[in-house]
N, C-alpha and C. Protein backbone atom coordinates (compact mmCIF):
# COMPACT_ATOMS: atom_id res chain seq x y z
N MET A 1 0.87 -1.16 0.00
CA MET A 1 0.00 0.00 0.00
C MET A 1 0.91 1.22 0.00
N ASN A 2 0.64 2.16 -0.89
CA ASN A 2 1.50 3.33 -0.95
C ASN A 2 1.24 4.24 0.24
N PHE A 3 2.15 5.17 0.45
CA PHE A 3 2.13 6.03 1.62
C PHE A 3 0.87 6.87 1.73
N SER A 4 0.41 7.45 0.63
CA SER A 4 -0.78 8.31 0.69
C SER A 4 -2.04 7.51 1.03
N LYS A 5 -2.15 6.27 0.56
CA LYS A 5 -3.29 5.44 0.91
C LYS A 5 -3.27 5.10 2.39
N ARG A 6 -2.08 4.84 2.94
CA ARG A 6 -1.98 4.54 4.37
C ARG A 6 -2.39 5.74 5.21
N ILE A 7 -1.98 6.93 4.82
CA ILE A 7 -2.35 8.13 5.56
C ILE A 7 -3.86 8.31 5.55
N ILE A 8 -4.47 8.14 4.37
CA ILE A 8 -5.92 8.29 4.24
C ILE A 8 -6.62 7.25 5.11
N LEU A 9 -6.14 6.01 5.09
CA LEU A 9 -6.72 4.95 5.89
C LEU A 9 -6.64 5.26 7.38
N TYR A 10 -5.49 5.69 7.86
CA TYR A 10 -5.32 6.01 9.28
C TYR A 10 -6.20 7.19 9.68
N LEU A 11 -6.31 8.20 8.83
CA LEU A 11 -7.18 9.33 9.14
C LEU A 11 -8.64 8.90 9.20
N PHE A 12 -9.06 8.03 8.28
CA PHE A 12 -10.43 7.54 8.27
C PHE A 12 -10.73 6.77 9.55
N ILE A 13 -9.83 5.86 9.94
CA ILE A 13 -10.04 5.06 11.15
C ILE A 13 -10.09 5.96 12.38
N SER A 14 -9.20 6.94 12.44
CA SER A 14 -9.21 7.87 13.57
C SER A 14 -10.52 8.63 13.62
N PHE A 15 -11.02 9.05 12.47
CA PHE A 15 -12.27 9.78 12.39
C PHE A 15 -13.43 8.91 12.89
N VAL A 16 -13.43 7.61 12.51
CA VAL A 16 -14.48 6.69 12.96
C VAL A 16 -14.48 6.58 14.47
N PHE A 17 -13.29 6.45 15.07
CA PHE A 17 -13.21 6.31 16.52
C PHE A 17 -13.61 7.60 17.23
N VAL A 18 -13.28 8.75 16.67
CA VAL A 18 -13.69 10.02 17.27
C VAL A 18 -15.21 10.14 17.23
N LEU A 19 -15.81 9.80 16.09
CA LEU A 19 -17.27 9.84 15.99
C LEU A 19 -17.92 8.85 16.96
N ALA A 20 -17.35 7.67 17.10
CA ALA A 20 -17.91 6.68 18.01
C ALA A 20 -17.84 7.18 19.45
N GLY A 21 -16.79 7.89 19.79
CA GLY A 21 -16.64 8.42 21.14
C GLY A 21 -17.60 9.56 21.43
N CYS A 22 -18.09 10.22 20.41
CA CYS A 22 -19.01 11.35 20.60
C CYS A 22 -20.46 10.91 20.61
N GLY A 23 -20.72 9.61 20.52
CA GLY A 23 -22.08 9.11 20.41
C GLY A 23 -22.94 9.38 21.62
N GLY A 24 -22.40 9.40 22.79
CA GLY A 24 -23.17 9.65 24.01
C GLY A 24 -24.13 8.52 24.31
N ASP A 25 -25.13 8.80 25.16
CA ASP A 25 -26.11 7.82 25.58
C ASP A 25 -27.47 8.10 24.96
N ASP A 26 -27.56 8.13 23.65
CA ASP A 26 -28.81 8.40 22.94
C ASP A 26 -29.57 7.11 22.75
N ALA A 27 -30.26 6.66 23.78
CA ALA A 27 -31.00 5.40 23.71
C ALA A 27 -32.10 5.46 22.66
N GLY A 28 -32.62 6.63 22.37
CA GLY A 28 -33.69 6.77 21.39
C GLY A 28 -33.24 6.63 19.96
N ASN A 29 -31.96 6.60 19.68
CA ASN A 29 -31.46 6.52 18.31
C ASN A 29 -31.36 5.10 17.80
N ASP A 30 -31.73 4.09 18.60
CA ASP A 30 -31.61 2.72 18.16
C ASP A 30 -32.44 2.43 16.92
N GLU A 31 -33.53 3.17 16.70
CA GLU A 31 -34.38 2.91 15.55
C GLU A 31 -33.73 3.38 14.26
N ASN A 32 -32.88 4.37 14.30
CA ASN A 32 -32.30 4.92 13.08
C ASN A 32 -31.26 3.99 12.49
N THR A 33 -30.05 4.06 12.97
CA THR A 33 -28.99 3.24 12.39
C THR A 33 -28.36 2.30 13.40
N GLY A 34 -28.65 2.48 14.67
CA GLY A 34 -28.05 1.61 15.68
C GLY A 34 -26.60 1.94 15.93
N ASN A 35 -26.14 3.12 15.61
CA ASN A 35 -24.73 3.46 15.75
C ASN A 35 -24.49 4.24 17.04
N ASN A 36 -24.17 3.55 18.10
CA ASN A 36 -23.76 4.14 19.36
C ASN A 36 -22.53 3.39 19.85
N ALA A 37 -21.72 4.02 20.71
CA ALA A 37 -20.43 3.45 21.08
C ALA A 37 -20.51 2.60 22.33
N ASP A 38 -19.76 1.52 22.33
CA ASP A 38 -19.53 0.68 23.50
C ASP A 38 -18.52 -0.36 23.10
N THR A 39 -18.07 -1.20 24.03
CA THR A 39 -17.10 -2.23 23.69
C THR A 39 -17.63 -3.59 24.08
N GLU A 40 -17.05 -4.63 23.46
CA GLU A 40 -17.42 -6.00 23.82
C GLU A 40 -16.82 -6.33 25.17
N GLU A 41 -17.51 -7.19 25.96
CA GLU A 41 -17.09 -7.40 27.34
C GLU A 41 -16.41 -8.72 27.60
N GLU A 42 -16.95 -9.86 27.16
CA GLU A 42 -16.38 -11.14 27.53
C GLU A 42 -15.77 -11.82 26.32
N ASN A 43 -15.09 -12.96 26.52
CA ASN A 43 -14.41 -13.65 25.44
C ASN A 43 -14.98 -15.04 25.23
N ASN A 44 -16.27 -15.16 25.01
CA ASN A 44 -16.90 -16.44 24.72
C ASN A 44 -17.06 -16.55 23.22
N THR A 45 -16.68 -17.72 22.66
CA THR A 45 -16.76 -17.93 21.22
C THR A 45 -17.53 -19.22 20.95
N GLU A 46 -18.47 -19.17 20.01
CA GLU A 46 -19.19 -20.36 19.58
C GLU A 46 -19.17 -20.41 18.07
N ASN A 47 -19.10 -21.62 17.50
CA ASN A 47 -19.17 -21.81 16.06
C ASN A 47 -20.61 -22.10 15.71
N THR A 48 -21.23 -21.25 14.93
CA THR A 48 -22.62 -21.44 14.53
C THR A 48 -22.68 -21.44 13.02
N THR A 49 -23.18 -22.52 12.42
CA THR A 49 -23.30 -22.55 10.97
C THR A 49 -24.53 -21.77 10.57
N ASP A 50 -24.75 -21.63 9.28
CA ASP A 50 -25.89 -20.85 8.81
C ASP A 50 -27.23 -21.51 9.11
N THR A 51 -27.22 -22.74 9.61
CA THR A 51 -28.46 -23.38 10.02
C THR A 51 -28.77 -23.09 11.48
N GLY A 52 -27.85 -22.45 12.19
CA GLY A 52 -28.09 -22.09 13.58
C GLY A 52 -27.61 -23.15 14.56
N ASP A 53 -26.95 -24.21 14.10
CA ASP A 53 -26.46 -25.23 15.01
C ASP A 53 -25.22 -24.75 15.73
N GLU A 54 -25.23 -24.85 17.05
CA GLU A 54 -24.07 -24.44 17.84
C GLU A 54 -23.20 -25.66 18.06
N THR A 55 -21.92 -25.57 17.63
CA THR A 55 -21.02 -26.70 17.76
C THR A 55 -19.75 -26.35 18.49
N GLY A 56 -19.55 -25.09 18.86
CA GLY A 56 -18.32 -24.67 19.49
C GLY A 56 -18.41 -24.71 21.00
N ASN A 57 -17.29 -24.40 21.64
CA ASN A 57 -17.19 -24.35 23.08
C ASN A 57 -16.78 -22.96 23.51
N ASP A 58 -17.15 -22.58 24.74
CA ASP A 58 -16.75 -21.29 25.27
C ASP A 58 -15.24 -21.24 25.44
N ASP A 59 -14.68 -20.05 25.33
CA ASP A 59 -13.26 -19.78 25.60
C ASP A 59 -12.31 -20.61 24.75
N GLN A 60 -12.69 -20.95 23.52
CA GLN A 60 -11.80 -21.66 22.62
C GLN A 60 -11.85 -20.99 21.26
N ASN A 61 -10.78 -21.20 20.49
CA ASN A 61 -10.77 -20.70 19.13
C ASN A 61 -11.66 -21.57 18.25
N VAL A 62 -12.30 -20.96 17.27
CA VAL A 62 -13.13 -21.69 16.32
C VAL A 62 -12.42 -21.61 14.98
N GLU A 63 -12.03 -22.77 14.45
CA GLU A 63 -11.27 -22.80 13.21
C GLU A 63 -12.01 -23.58 12.15
N ASP A 64 -11.52 -23.49 10.92
CA ASP A 64 -12.04 -24.24 9.78
C ASP A 64 -13.49 -23.91 9.47
N LEU A 65 -13.87 -22.66 9.64
CA LEU A 65 -15.19 -22.21 9.21
C LEU A 65 -15.15 -22.01 7.70
N SER A 66 -16.31 -22.01 7.08
CA SER A 66 -16.42 -21.80 5.63
C SER A 66 -17.25 -20.56 5.36
N ILE A 67 -17.25 -20.13 4.11
CA ILE A 67 -18.09 -19.00 3.70
C ILE A 67 -19.54 -19.35 4.03
N GLY A 68 -20.22 -18.44 4.70
CA GLY A 68 -21.60 -18.67 5.13
C GLY A 68 -21.71 -19.07 6.59
N ASP A 69 -20.60 -19.52 7.21
CA ASP A 69 -20.61 -19.91 8.62
C ASP A 69 -20.50 -18.69 9.52
N SER A 70 -20.91 -18.88 10.79
CA SER A 70 -20.90 -17.81 11.78
C SER A 70 -20.14 -18.23 13.02
N ALA A 71 -19.65 -17.25 13.76
CA ALA A 71 -19.03 -17.45 15.07
C ALA A 71 -19.58 -16.38 15.99
N THR A 72 -19.79 -16.74 17.26
CA THR A 72 -20.36 -15.80 18.21
C THR A 72 -19.33 -15.39 19.24
N PHE A 73 -19.15 -14.08 19.39
CA PHE A 73 -18.25 -13.49 20.36
C PHE A 73 -19.09 -12.61 21.27
N ASN A 74 -19.16 -12.92 22.55
CA ASN A 74 -19.83 -12.05 23.52
C ASN A 74 -21.22 -11.66 23.06
N ASP A 75 -22.00 -12.61 22.62
CA ASP A 75 -23.37 -12.39 22.14
C ASP A 75 -23.43 -11.58 20.85
N VAL A 76 -22.33 -11.48 20.12
CA VAL A 76 -22.33 -10.85 18.81
C VAL A 76 -21.96 -11.93 17.79
N THR A 77 -22.87 -12.21 16.87
CA THR A 77 -22.65 -13.24 15.86
C THR A 77 -22.04 -12.61 14.62
N ILE A 78 -20.88 -13.12 14.23
CA ILE A 78 -20.15 -12.63 13.05
C ILE A 78 -20.29 -13.68 11.95
N THR A 79 -20.76 -13.26 10.78
CA THR A 79 -20.96 -14.17 9.65
C THR A 79 -20.15 -13.69 8.45
N LEU A 80 -19.45 -14.60 7.81
CA LEU A 80 -18.77 -14.32 6.55
C LEU A 80 -19.76 -14.66 5.44
N ASN A 81 -20.34 -13.63 4.81
CA ASN A 81 -21.38 -13.82 3.80
C ASN A 81 -20.83 -14.23 2.44
N GLU A 82 -19.80 -13.54 1.97
CA GLU A 82 -19.22 -13.84 0.66
C GLU A 82 -17.81 -13.28 0.58
N VAL A 83 -17.07 -13.78 -0.41
CA VAL A 83 -15.72 -13.30 -0.69
C VAL A 83 -15.60 -13.20 -2.20
N ARG A 84 -14.99 -12.10 -2.68
CA ARG A 84 -14.86 -11.93 -4.12
C ARG A 84 -13.58 -11.14 -4.44
N VAL A 85 -13.19 -11.20 -5.70
CA VAL A 85 -12.11 -10.37 -6.21
C VAL A 85 -12.76 -9.12 -6.80
N GLU A 86 -12.22 -7.96 -6.46
CA GLU A 86 -12.78 -6.69 -6.92
C GLU A 86 -11.71 -5.94 -7.72
N PRO A 87 -12.03 -5.46 -8.93
CA PRO A 87 -11.02 -4.75 -9.72
C PRO A 87 -10.69 -3.36 -9.18
N GLY A 88 -11.59 -2.76 -8.42
CA GLY A 88 -11.35 -1.40 -7.93
C GLY A 88 -11.74 -0.38 -8.97
N GLY A 89 -11.45 0.87 -8.66
CA GLY A 89 -11.82 1.96 -9.55
C GLY A 89 -10.65 2.50 -10.34
N GLU A 90 -10.88 3.62 -10.96
CA GLU A 90 -9.88 4.26 -11.82
C GLU A 90 -8.59 4.60 -11.05
N PHE A 91 -8.73 4.94 -9.77
CA PHE A 91 -7.56 5.36 -8.98
C PHE A 91 -7.04 4.24 -8.09
N ASP A 92 -7.58 3.03 -8.23
CA ASP A 92 -7.16 1.89 -7.41
C ASP A 92 -6.24 0.99 -8.21
N GLU A 93 -5.08 0.72 -7.66
CA GLU A 93 -4.16 -0.23 -8.27
C GLU A 93 -3.55 -1.07 -7.16
N ALA A 94 -3.71 -2.38 -7.27
CA ALA A 94 -3.21 -3.28 -6.24
C ALA A 94 -1.68 -3.25 -6.21
N ASP A 95 -1.12 -3.10 -5.01
CA ASP A 95 0.33 -3.18 -4.85
C ASP A 95 0.79 -4.63 -4.99
N ASN A 96 -0.08 -5.56 -4.62
CA ASN A 96 0.20 -6.98 -4.78
C ASN A 96 -0.47 -7.43 -6.08
N ASP A 97 -1.19 -8.55 -6.06
CA ASP A 97 -1.79 -9.06 -7.30
C ASP A 97 -3.25 -8.68 -7.49
N LYS A 98 -4.02 -8.55 -6.38
CA LYS A 98 -5.45 -8.30 -6.53
C LYS A 98 -6.06 -7.79 -5.23
N PHE A 99 -7.29 -7.29 -5.36
CA PHE A 99 -8.07 -6.90 -4.20
C PHE A 99 -9.07 -8.02 -3.90
N VAL A 100 -9.00 -8.56 -2.69
CA VAL A 100 -9.98 -9.53 -2.22
C VAL A 100 -10.89 -8.80 -1.24
N VAL A 101 -12.21 -8.90 -1.45
CA VAL A 101 -13.18 -8.21 -0.61
C VAL A 101 -14.02 -9.25 0.13
N VAL A 102 -14.10 -9.10 1.45
CA VAL A 102 -14.96 -9.97 2.25
C VAL A 102 -16.19 -9.19 2.67
N ASN A 103 -17.34 -9.83 2.64
CA ASN A 103 -18.61 -9.23 3.04
C ASN A 103 -19.04 -9.93 4.32
N MET A 104 -19.22 -9.16 5.41
CA MET A 104 -19.50 -9.73 6.73
C MET A 104 -20.70 -9.05 7.37
N THR A 105 -21.33 -9.79 8.30
CA THR A 105 -22.43 -9.25 9.10
C THR A 105 -22.12 -9.46 10.57
N ALA A 106 -22.38 -8.44 11.39
CA ALA A 106 -22.30 -8.54 12.85
C ALA A 106 -23.70 -8.35 13.38
N GLU A 107 -24.22 -9.34 14.10
CA GLU A 107 -25.55 -9.25 14.70
C GLU A 107 -25.39 -9.19 16.21
N ASN A 108 -25.83 -8.09 16.80
CA ASN A 108 -25.68 -7.87 18.24
C ASN A 108 -26.88 -8.45 18.97
N ASN A 109 -26.67 -9.59 19.64
CA ASN A 109 -27.72 -10.26 20.40
C ASN A 109 -27.66 -9.90 21.89
N SER A 110 -26.81 -8.96 22.25
CA SER A 110 -26.66 -8.57 23.65
C SER A 110 -27.58 -7.40 23.99
N ASP A 111 -27.52 -6.96 25.23
CA ASP A 111 -28.29 -5.81 25.69
C ASP A 111 -27.47 -4.53 25.65
N GLU A 112 -26.25 -4.60 25.16
CA GLU A 112 -25.33 -3.47 25.13
C GLU A 112 -24.93 -3.17 23.69
N GLU A 113 -24.51 -1.94 23.44
CA GLU A 113 -23.97 -1.58 22.13
C GLU A 113 -22.54 -2.10 22.03
N VAL A 114 -22.12 -2.47 20.83
CA VAL A 114 -20.76 -2.96 20.61
C VAL A 114 -20.14 -2.22 19.43
N THR A 115 -18.81 -2.15 19.44
CA THR A 115 -18.07 -1.49 18.37
C THR A 115 -17.37 -2.55 17.53
N ILE A 116 -17.48 -2.43 16.22
CA ILE A 116 -16.82 -3.33 15.27
C ILE A 116 -15.80 -2.50 14.51
N SER A 117 -14.58 -3.01 14.41
CA SER A 117 -13.51 -2.31 13.69
C SER A 117 -12.81 -3.29 12.76
N SER A 118 -12.89 -3.04 11.47
CA SER A 118 -12.20 -3.91 10.52
C SER A 118 -10.69 -3.87 10.74
N MET A 119 -10.18 -2.75 11.18
CA MET A 119 -8.74 -2.61 11.40
C MET A 119 -8.28 -3.40 12.64
N LEU A 120 -9.08 -3.41 13.70
CA LEU A 120 -8.69 -4.07 14.94
C LEU A 120 -9.15 -5.52 15.02
N ASN A 121 -10.26 -5.87 14.38
CA ASN A 121 -10.85 -7.19 14.55
C ASN A 121 -10.52 -8.18 13.44
N VAL A 122 -10.13 -7.73 12.25
CA VAL A 122 -10.07 -8.62 11.09
C VAL A 122 -8.71 -8.56 10.40
N GLU A 123 -8.19 -9.76 10.04
CA GLU A 123 -6.98 -9.89 9.24
C GLU A 123 -7.18 -11.00 8.23
N LEU A 124 -6.50 -10.90 7.10
CA LEU A 124 -6.53 -11.94 6.08
C LEU A 124 -5.11 -12.47 5.91
N TYR A 125 -4.96 -13.79 5.92
CA TYR A 125 -3.66 -14.44 5.78
C TYR A 125 -3.62 -15.20 4.47
N ASP A 126 -2.45 -15.20 3.80
CA ASP A 126 -2.29 -16.03 2.61
C ASP A 126 -1.78 -17.40 3.02
N GLU A 127 -1.58 -18.31 2.05
CA GLU A 127 -1.18 -19.67 2.36
C GLU A 127 0.23 -19.77 2.93
N ASP A 128 1.03 -18.72 2.79
CA ASP A 128 2.38 -18.70 3.35
C ASP A 128 2.42 -18.10 4.76
N GLY A 129 1.26 -17.69 5.28
CA GLY A 129 1.18 -17.16 6.64
C GLY A 129 1.39 -15.66 6.76
N TYR A 130 1.49 -14.94 5.65
CA TYR A 130 1.62 -13.48 5.71
C TYR A 130 0.26 -12.87 5.96
N SER A 131 0.21 -11.86 6.84
CA SER A 131 -1.08 -11.24 7.17
C SER A 131 -1.24 -9.91 6.43
N TYR A 132 -2.51 -9.58 6.15
CA TYR A 132 -2.86 -8.36 5.43
C TYR A 132 -4.01 -7.68 6.17
N THR A 133 -3.92 -6.37 6.31
CA THR A 133 -4.99 -5.60 6.93
C THR A 133 -5.75 -4.86 5.83
N THR A 134 -6.83 -4.25 6.23
CA THR A 134 -7.71 -3.59 5.28
C THR A 134 -6.98 -2.51 4.49
N THR A 135 -7.44 -2.30 3.27
CA THR A 135 -6.91 -1.25 2.41
C THR A 135 -8.08 -0.37 1.99
N ILE A 136 -7.84 0.58 1.11
CA ILE A 136 -8.89 1.49 0.66
C ILE A 136 -9.16 1.25 -0.82
N LEU A 137 -10.44 1.12 -1.16
CA LEU A 137 -10.88 1.09 -2.55
C LEU A 137 -11.84 2.25 -2.75
N THR A 138 -11.70 2.95 -3.86
CA THR A 138 -12.57 4.10 -4.12
C THR A 138 -13.89 3.67 -4.76
N GLU A 139 -13.93 2.47 -5.36
CA GLU A 139 -15.15 1.97 -6.00
C GLU A 139 -15.29 0.48 -5.72
N GLY A 140 -16.56 0.01 -5.76
CA GLY A 140 -16.81 -1.43 -5.67
C GLY A 140 -17.08 -1.96 -4.28
N ILE A 141 -17.17 -1.10 -3.27
CA ILE A 141 -17.42 -1.54 -1.90
C ILE A 141 -18.79 -1.05 -1.45
N GLN A 142 -19.55 -1.94 -0.84
CA GLN A 142 -20.87 -1.59 -0.32
C GLN A 142 -20.78 -1.42 1.20
N GLY A 143 -20.42 -0.25 1.66
CA GLY A 143 -20.35 0.03 3.09
C GLY A 143 -19.19 -0.65 3.78
N GLN A 144 -18.59 0.04 4.71
CA GLN A 144 -17.48 -0.50 5.50
C GLN A 144 -18.02 -1.35 6.63
N PHE A 145 -17.25 -2.34 7.03
CA PHE A 145 -17.57 -3.18 8.19
C PHE A 145 -16.95 -2.54 9.43
N ASP A 146 -17.41 -1.33 9.73
CA ASP A 146 -16.91 -0.54 10.86
C ASP A 146 -18.07 0.24 11.45
N GLY A 147 -18.08 0.35 12.77
CA GLY A 147 -19.08 1.17 13.43
C GLY A 147 -19.57 0.54 14.70
N THR A 148 -20.59 1.14 15.27
CA THR A 148 -21.19 0.60 16.48
C THR A 148 -22.53 -0.04 16.12
N VAL A 149 -22.87 -1.08 16.86
CA VAL A 149 -24.09 -1.82 16.60
C VAL A 149 -24.92 -1.80 17.88
N ALA A 150 -26.11 -1.23 17.81
CA ALA A 150 -26.99 -1.16 18.96
C ALA A 150 -27.51 -2.56 19.30
N ALA A 151 -27.94 -2.74 20.53
CA ALA A 151 -28.51 -4.02 20.98
C ALA A 151 -29.65 -4.42 20.05
N GLY A 152 -29.62 -5.68 19.60
CA GLY A 152 -30.67 -6.20 18.74
C GLY A 152 -30.57 -5.80 17.28
N LYS A 153 -29.51 -5.09 16.88
CA LYS A 153 -29.35 -4.61 15.49
C LYS A 153 -28.23 -5.37 14.78
N LYS A 154 -28.14 -5.13 13.46
CA LYS A 154 -27.12 -5.75 12.62
C LYS A 154 -26.29 -4.68 11.91
N LEU A 155 -25.06 -5.02 11.61
CA LEU A 155 -24.18 -4.19 10.78
C LEU A 155 -23.63 -5.10 9.70
N ARG A 156 -23.85 -4.72 8.44
CA ARG A 156 -23.28 -5.48 7.32
C ARG A 156 -22.37 -4.55 6.56
N GLY A 157 -21.20 -5.06 6.16
CA GLY A 157 -20.26 -4.24 5.42
C GLY A 157 -19.19 -5.08 4.78
N GLU A 158 -18.29 -4.39 4.08
CA GLU A 158 -17.24 -5.07 3.34
C GLU A 158 -15.86 -4.56 3.73
N ILE A 159 -14.89 -5.45 3.58
CA ILE A 159 -13.50 -5.11 3.90
C ILE A 159 -12.64 -5.51 2.71
N PRO A 160 -11.93 -4.54 2.10
CA PRO A 160 -11.03 -4.88 0.99
C PRO A 160 -9.61 -5.15 1.50
N PHE A 161 -8.94 -6.11 0.88
CA PHE A 161 -7.55 -6.44 1.18
C PHE A 161 -6.75 -6.44 -0.12
N ASP A 162 -5.55 -5.92 -0.09
CA ASP A 162 -4.63 -5.95 -1.23
C ASP A 162 -3.69 -7.13 -0.98
N VAL A 163 -3.86 -8.22 -1.75
CA VAL A 163 -3.15 -9.47 -1.46
C VAL A 163 -2.50 -10.05 -2.71
N PRO A 164 -1.48 -10.90 -2.50
CA PRO A 164 -0.90 -11.63 -3.63
C PRO A 164 -1.76 -12.85 -3.96
N ASP A 165 -1.53 -13.43 -5.14
CA ASP A 165 -2.20 -14.68 -5.49
C ASP A 165 -1.81 -15.74 -4.47
N SER A 166 -2.76 -16.57 -4.08
CA SER A 166 -2.53 -17.63 -3.10
C SER A 166 -3.55 -18.73 -3.37
N GLY A 167 -3.18 -19.97 -3.08
CA GLY A 167 -4.10 -21.09 -3.27
C GLY A 167 -5.25 -21.07 -2.29
N SER A 168 -5.01 -20.45 -1.11
CA SER A 168 -6.07 -20.31 -0.11
C SER A 168 -5.74 -19.12 0.78
N TYR A 169 -6.76 -18.68 1.50
CA TYR A 169 -6.62 -17.58 2.45
C TYR A 169 -7.32 -17.97 3.74
N GLU A 170 -6.92 -17.35 4.83
CA GLU A 170 -7.61 -17.51 6.11
C GLU A 170 -8.05 -16.13 6.57
N LEU A 171 -9.35 -15.99 6.88
CA LEU A 171 -9.87 -14.76 7.43
C LEU A 171 -9.99 -14.94 8.93
N HIS A 172 -9.29 -14.09 9.69
CA HIS A 172 -9.29 -14.17 11.15
C HIS A 172 -10.10 -13.02 11.73
N TYR A 173 -11.04 -13.34 12.62
CA TYR A 173 -11.79 -12.34 13.37
C TYR A 173 -11.48 -12.59 14.84
N SER A 174 -11.08 -11.53 15.55
CA SER A 174 -10.77 -11.69 16.96
C SER A 174 -11.17 -10.46 17.74
N ASP A 175 -11.33 -10.65 19.04
CA ASP A 175 -11.55 -9.55 19.96
C ASP A 175 -10.16 -9.02 20.30
N PRO A 176 -9.85 -7.74 20.01
CA PRO A 176 -8.50 -7.25 20.25
C PRO A 176 -8.11 -7.24 21.73
N PHE A 177 -9.09 -7.38 22.62
CA PHE A 177 -8.81 -7.38 24.05
C PHE A 177 -8.86 -8.78 24.65
N GLY A 178 -9.05 -9.80 23.81
CA GLY A 178 -9.11 -11.18 24.28
C GLY A 178 -8.23 -12.07 23.42
N SER A 179 -8.26 -13.36 23.70
CA SER A 179 -7.40 -14.29 22.96
C SER A 179 -8.19 -15.19 22.01
N ASN A 180 -9.50 -15.12 22.02
CA ASN A 180 -10.30 -15.98 21.16
C ASN A 180 -10.33 -15.47 19.73
N ARG A 181 -10.47 -16.42 18.81
CA ARG A 181 -10.36 -16.10 17.39
C ARG A 181 -11.23 -17.05 16.59
N ALA A 182 -11.86 -16.55 15.54
CA ALA A 182 -12.58 -17.39 14.58
C ALA A 182 -11.82 -17.32 13.27
N ILE A 183 -11.70 -18.46 12.59
CA ILE A 183 -10.92 -18.54 11.35
C ILE A 183 -11.77 -19.18 10.26
N TRP A 184 -11.98 -18.43 9.18
CA TRP A 184 -12.67 -18.95 8.00
C TRP A 184 -11.62 -19.32 6.96
N ILE A 185 -11.75 -20.51 6.36
CA ILE A 185 -10.85 -20.96 5.30
C ILE A 185 -11.48 -20.62 3.97
N ILE A 186 -10.73 -19.91 3.12
CA ILE A 186 -11.23 -19.47 1.82
C ILE A 186 -10.33 -20.06 0.73
N ASP A 187 -10.85 -20.97 -0.04
CA ASP A 187 -10.11 -21.54 -1.16
C ASP A 187 -10.12 -20.53 -2.31
N ALA A 188 -9.02 -20.41 -3.01
CA ALA A 188 -8.95 -19.45 -4.12
C ALA A 188 -10.03 -19.73 -5.16
N ASN A 189 -10.46 -20.97 -5.30
CA ASN A 189 -11.51 -21.32 -6.26
C ASN A 189 -12.88 -20.80 -5.82
N ASP A 190 -13.03 -20.44 -4.53
CA ASP A 190 -14.30 -19.93 -4.02
C ASP A 190 -14.47 -18.43 -4.23
N LEU A 191 -13.44 -17.76 -4.73
CA LEU A 191 -13.53 -16.33 -4.94
C LEU A 191 -14.43 -16.06 -6.13
N GLU A 192 -15.46 -15.25 -5.92
CA GLU A 192 -16.43 -14.95 -6.99
C GLU A 192 -15.87 -13.93 -7.94
């Protein structure tokens, strides 16, 4: 990622956190967008497939999930909806080989608001174990997977990564204040 894109990315993330901190206690705003600030509290993880079957255990990592599977962290269910290659826009050029975009949903089943950060919670690894964090695309993204989620609400968004060609990828979602982690395995053939 070139220097100017990194600066823009860091400024954007800082702006998101400043806005989240200014949210206050507006309980009446839950009907609008559900964007109020708070943090996740405990480190319980469950593996839940798209059929709703719970197969995981508390306080353990959940690995070998597939596209469409879900994992629950502190009463927040995270689902990997789809993964695709995105060409980007006129001003987007991959520093590596391509842009891989993941589409995720966070469903807050708790009584508290939670904050989701693509920069702090999500990483993509290639088959050689190199990790990649989110990048910026000017076109082709439907909403960022960043923000606060009110109790009982959902946040759906996308995260772009600038990655080299790889036979497979691993998408890691974790609580930055805990040790639990969910890992989705993405075969290169599954990229839309």
